[in-house]
Amino acid sequence: MNYTRILVVEDDVNLGQILEEYLKLKGFTTYLATDGEAGLTAFYEGQYDLCLLDLMMPKKDGFSLAKDIRAVNTDIPIIFLTAKSMKEDVLKGFQIGGDDYVTKPFSMEELLLRITAILRRSSSKKSAAFPKEYVVGNIRYHYDENTLIIDQHNISLTTKENELMKLFLENLNQTVDRTLALKRIWKNDSYFNARSMDVYIAKLRKYFQLTDTFKIITIHGEGFKLIQVNSDSY
C-alpha cells in the first residue's frame, strides 16, 4: 500500500476533484484545498510528502503559499500548476523553491511521471541527509529508534523530544527559530503549543546536563540553539 500523502491546492473545483481522484486511483493519499489559506491550514495540520499548488488562487496565491510552506519545511517537494507560461513566472517559481512547474493543460500521465520522479529524488535526499546513527562528540542519536546516548547514558525520547532533537542536530550551533519549530512539530504556534514546547526543551536541557560539551541556549526574541561548547559557533 502507498502511504505517500499529497496536498493538492487548486481553486478550480472540477480540476481539483479530477486530480484528487486520479491520484487516489494511483494509490496516493490526497487532500484537496480550494484556496491558498485553506491549503496552508491543511499543510500545518497534516503530514505530506509533496504539494501540488495552483498559482492563481483567491486569498493566497501559489507563490505566497509556497513561501509559507518553505518557512516551515525546506525539503518537501513542491510542483506548481498554472496556466501561466511566462519565463519570469517560471523563474520565480524555482527561486521560491519549487521543484517543478507544469503548465495547463497537461496530461495526467505526464504529471504522474513528474510526481514519481520528484518523490524518488526526495526519498534519496532524505536518506542521505540524516544518517540512521548521528554521532557528534560524545552524543549518539538514533532518530528511527527515538534514542539519545550521552556517554554511557541511554535515553528513550518521546515523539516530541525526538523531533526537537533532530531539528536541533540538523541546525547544530545555529539558531532554531521558535515559530518554525512550533509549526514544523506542533503544526501551529498557539500559546498552548508554545508552552508545551518550552516543557520539552526543558527536558532536553536536563538530558544535556549529563555532558559538559553540549547545551541548549535561548536566543531571546528568536528561538533556541544547541551548541557544542568547545565550538567557536555561538
Protein backbone atom coordinates (compact mmCIF):
# COMPACT_ATOMS: atom_id res chain seq x y z
CA MET A 1 0.00 0.00 0.00
CA ASN A 2 1.24 3.51 -0.89
CA TYR A 3 1.20 5.81 2.14
CA THR A 4 2.55 8.81 0.21
CA ARG A 5 0.45 11.87 1.06
CA ILE A 6 -0.08 14.65 -1.48
CA LEU A 7 -1.59 18.05 -0.73
CA VAL A 8 -3.49 19.43 -3.73
CA VAL A 9 -4.33 23.15 -3.61
CA GLU A 10 -6.42 24.12 -6.65
CA ASP A 11 -9.23 26.69 -6.81
CA ASP A 12 -10.78 25.13 -9.94
CA VAL A 13 -13.03 22.67 -8.10
CA ASN A 14 -13.55 20.42 -11.14
CA LEU A 15 -9.82 20.12 -11.87
CA GLY A 16 -9.06 19.71 -8.17
CA GLN A 17 -11.50 16.82 -7.85
CA ILE A 18 -10.14 15.18 -11.01
CA LEU A 19 -6.59 15.44 -9.64
CA GLU A 20 -7.67 14.12 -6.25
CA GLU A 21 -9.49 11.11 -7.71
CA TYR A 22 -6.76 10.32 -10.24
CA LEU A 23 -4.03 10.33 -7.60
CA LYS A 24 -6.16 8.17 -5.30
CA LEU A 25 -6.61 5.67 -8.13
CA LYS A 26 -2.82 5.59 -8.47
CA GLY A 27 -2.50 4.70 -4.79
CA PHE A 28 -1.71 8.06 -3.22
CA THR A 29 -3.41 9.55 -0.17
CA THR A 30 -4.59 13.03 -1.15
CA TYR A 31 -6.18 16.09 0.44
CA LEU A 32 -7.80 18.85 -1.62
CA ALA A 33 -7.95 22.52 -0.59
CA THR A 34 -9.58 25.12 -2.85
CA ASP A 35 -7.79 28.33 -1.83
CA GLY A 36 -4.36 29.31 -0.54
CA GLU A 37 -5.34 29.95 3.06
CA ALA A 38 -7.15 26.61 3.33
CA GLY A 39 -4.09 24.99 1.76
CA LEU A 40 -1.78 26.50 4.38
CA THR A 41 -4.07 25.37 7.20
CA ALA A 42 -4.12 21.85 5.75
CA PHE A 43 -0.34 21.84 5.49
CA TYR A 44 0.06 22.88 9.15
CA GLU A 45 -2.41 20.25 10.33
CA GLY A 46 -1.26 17.31 8.19
CA GLN A 47 1.83 15.36 7.21
CA TYR A 48 2.54 15.50 3.48
CA ASP A 49 5.22 14.17 1.14
CA LEU A 50 4.54 16.52 -1.79
CA CYS A 51 2.48 19.64 -2.58
CA LEU A 52 0.70 20.44 -5.85
CA LEU A 53 -0.03 24.18 -5.84
CA ASP A 54 -2.05 26.20 -8.32
CA LEU A 55 -0.66 29.70 -8.81
CA MET A 56 -3.73 31.86 -9.36
CA MET A 57 -5.90 31.35 -6.27
CA PRO A 58 -8.08 33.53 -4.02
CA LYS A 59 -6.98 34.61 -0.52
CA LYS A 60 -3.37 33.47 -1.03
CA ASP A 61 -1.68 32.78 -4.38
CA GLY A 62 0.56 29.79 -5.02
CA PHE A 63 3.81 31.75 -4.75
CA SER A 64 2.85 33.14 -1.33
CA LEU A 65 1.68 29.72 -0.17
CA ALA A 66 4.97 28.14 -1.28
CA LYS A 67 6.93 30.76 0.68
CA ASP A 68 4.93 29.98 3.82
CA ILE A 69 5.45 26.25 3.33
CA ARG A 70 9.18 26.73 2.76
CA ALA A 71 9.41 28.72 6.02
CA VAL A 72 8.31 25.59 7.86
CA ASN A 73 9.72 22.80 5.69
CA THR A 74 12.65 23.44 3.36
CA ASP A 75 12.65 19.95 1.87
CA ILE A 76 9.09 18.99 0.91
CA PRO A 77 8.74 18.84 -2.90
CA ILE A 78 6.51 21.50 -4.49
CA ILE A 79 5.06 21.34 -8.00
CA PHE A 80 3.34 24.46 -9.36
CA LEU A 81 0.26 24.03 -11.58
CA THR A 82 -0.55 27.07 -13.67
CA ALA A 83 -1.94 28.47 -16.89
CA LYS A 84 0.97 30.93 -16.90
CA SER A 85 3.92 30.15 -19.12
CA MET A 86 5.89 33.40 -18.92
CA LYS A 87 9.62 32.92 -18.31
CA GLU A 88 9.50 35.34 -15.36
CA ASP A 89 6.86 33.26 -13.58
CA VAL A 90 8.78 30.03 -14.15
CA LEU A 91 11.96 31.57 -12.76
CA LYS A 92 10.10 32.99 -9.77
CA GLY A 93 8.64 29.57 -9.02
CA PHE A 94 12.09 27.97 -8.93
CA GLN A 95 13.57 30.85 -6.93
CA ILE A 96 10.94 30.36 -4.23
CA GLY A 97 11.92 26.71 -4.01
CA GLY A 98 9.61 24.93 -6.41
CA ASP A 99 10.79 21.56 -7.73
CA ASP A 100 8.77 21.57 -10.94
CA TYR A 101 6.42 23.75 -12.96
CA VAL A 102 3.58 22.23 -15.00
CA THR A 103 1.66 24.42 -17.44
CA LYS A 104 -2.06 23.81 -18.01
CA PRO A 105 -3.42 21.97 -19.87
CA PHE A 106 -1.33 18.92 -19.02
CA SER A 107 -1.77 15.16 -19.25
CA MET A 108 -2.35 13.24 -16.04
CA GLU A 109 0.18 10.63 -17.16
CA GLU A 110 2.90 13.28 -17.52
CA LEU A 111 2.05 14.76 -14.12
CA LEU A 112 2.23 11.30 -12.54
CA LEU A 113 5.68 10.71 -14.05
CA ARG A 114 6.90 14.06 -12.71
CA ILE A 115 5.50 13.32 -9.24
CA THR A 116 7.09 9.87 -9.19
CA ALA A 117 10.49 11.21 -10.30
CA ILE A 118 10.49 14.01 -7.73
CA LEU A 119 9.41 11.70 -4.90
CA ARG A 120 12.20 9.28 -5.85
CA ARG A 121 14.80 12.08 -5.67
CA SER A 122 13.29 13.38 -2.44
CA SER A 123 13.45 9.95 -0.84
CA SER A 124 17.11 9.54 -1.80
CA LYS A 125 17.89 13.02 -0.48
CA LYS A 126 16.20 12.30 2.85
CA SER A 127 18.11 9.06 3.27
CA ALA A 128 21.41 10.78 2.61
CA ALA A 129 20.66 13.93 4.57
CA PHE A 130 20.20 12.47 8.04
CA PRO A 131 22.06 9.25 8.94
CA LYS A 132 20.48 6.39 10.86
CA GLU A 133 23.12 6.91 13.53
CA TYR A 134 24.12 10.55 14.11
CA VAL A 135 27.38 10.84 16.03
CA VAL A 136 28.86 14.15 17.21
CA GLY A 137 31.24 14.45 20.14
CA ASN A 138 30.06 12.17 22.94
CA ILE A 139 26.48 12.04 21.58
CA ARG A 140 24.96 9.18 19.62
CA TYR A 141 21.47 9.72 18.29
CA HIS A 142 19.15 7.27 16.53
CA TYR A 143 16.16 9.13 15.08
CA ASP A 144 14.36 5.97 13.91
CA GLU A 145 14.69 4.44 17.39
CA ASN A 146 13.89 7.59 19.43
CA THR A 147 17.16 7.06 21.28
CA LEU A 148 19.77 9.51 22.55
CA ILE A 149 23.01 8.20 24.04
CA ILE A 150 25.20 10.59 26.02
CA ASP A 151 28.39 8.88 27.18
CA GLN A 152 27.01 5.69 28.77
CA HIS A 153 23.52 7.09 29.40
CA ASN A 154 20.85 5.60 27.13
CA ILE A 155 17.78 7.88 26.93
CA SER A 156 14.44 6.92 25.33
CA LEU A 157 12.87 10.02 23.79
CA THR A 158 9.19 10.81 23.43
CA THR A 159 7.94 11.64 19.93
CA LYS A 160 8.10 15.40 20.51
CA GLU A 161 11.53 15.17 22.19
CA ASN A 162 12.73 13.12 19.23
CA GLU A 163 11.52 15.64 16.66
CA LEU A 164 13.08 18.52 18.59
CA MET A 165 16.34 16.62 18.96
CA LYS A 166 16.52 16.02 15.21
CA LEU A 167 15.75 19.68 14.50
CA PHE A 168 18.50 20.84 16.89
CA LEU A 169 21.10 18.47 15.43
CA GLU A 170 20.18 19.47 11.88
CA ASN A 171 20.94 23.03 12.99
CA LEU A 172 23.84 22.40 15.41
CA ASN A 173 25.42 25.71 16.50
CA GLN A 174 22.68 27.59 14.61
CA THR A 175 19.56 29.31 15.94
CA VAL A 176 16.34 27.33 15.57
CA ASP A 177 13.55 29.83 15.03
CA ARG A 178 10.84 29.39 17.67
CA THR A 179 7.92 29.83 15.28
CA LEU A 180 9.44 27.49 12.71
CA ALA A 181 9.89 24.78 15.36
CA LEU A 182 6.29 25.15 16.52
CA LYS A 183 4.86 24.97 13.00
CA ARG A 184 7.09 22.08 11.97
CA ILE A 185 6.49 19.89 15.04
CA TRP A 186 3.22 21.14 16.61
CA LYS A 187 1.74 22.41 13.29
CA ASN A 188 0.80 25.83 14.71
CA ASP A 189 2.30 28.44 17.03
CA SER A 190 -0.57 28.83 19.51
CA TYR A 191 0.14 29.90 23.09
CA PHE A 192 -0.72 26.42 24.38
CA ASN A 193 1.71 24.74 21.98
CA ALA A 194 4.42 27.29 22.77
CA ARG A 195 4.13 26.42 26.47
CA SER A 196 4.23 22.72 25.60
CA MET A 197 7.41 23.20 23.57
CA ASP A 198 9.06 25.01 26.49
CA VAL A 199 8.40 21.95 28.67
CA TYR A 200 10.00 19.58 26.14
CA ILE A 201 13.02 21.84 25.67
CA ALA A 202 13.45 21.91 29.45
CA LYS A 203 13.54 18.09 29.36
CA LEU A 204 16.22 18.11 26.65
CA ARG A 205 18.24 20.61 28.68
CA LYS A 206 18.10 18.21 31.61
CA TYR A 207 19.47 15.42 29.42
CA PHE A 208 22.36 17.62 28.33
CA GLN A 209 23.33 18.14 31.95
CA LEU A 210 24.88 14.69 31.59
CA THR A 211 27.61 16.23 29.43
CA ASP A 212 29.69 19.39 29.61
CA THR A 213 30.25 19.57 25.84
CA PHE A 214 26.71 20.43 24.68
CA LYS A 215 23.97 22.72 25.91
CA ILE A 216 20.81 24.42 24.69
CA ILE A 217 20.78 28.20 24.99
CA THR A 218 17.91 30.65 24.48
CA ILE A 219 18.33 33.37 21.87
CA HIS A 220 15.91 35.99 23.15
CA GLY A 221 13.35 37.13 20.62
CA GLU A 222 14.40 34.43 18.13
CA GLY A 223 14.50 30.86 19.43
CA PHE A 224 16.97 28.29 20.70
CA LYS A 225 20.40 26.95 19.82
CA LEU A 226 22.11 23.64 20.57
CA ILE A 227 25.79 24.48 20.87
CA GLN A 228 28.91 22.37 21.09
CA VAL A 229 30.68 24.13 23.95
CA ASN A 230 34.14 23.62 22.51
CA SER A 231 32.96 25.02 19.17
CA ASP A 232 33.60 28.59 18.05
CA SER A 233 30.00 28.96 16.85
CA TYR A 234 27.88 30.98 19.31
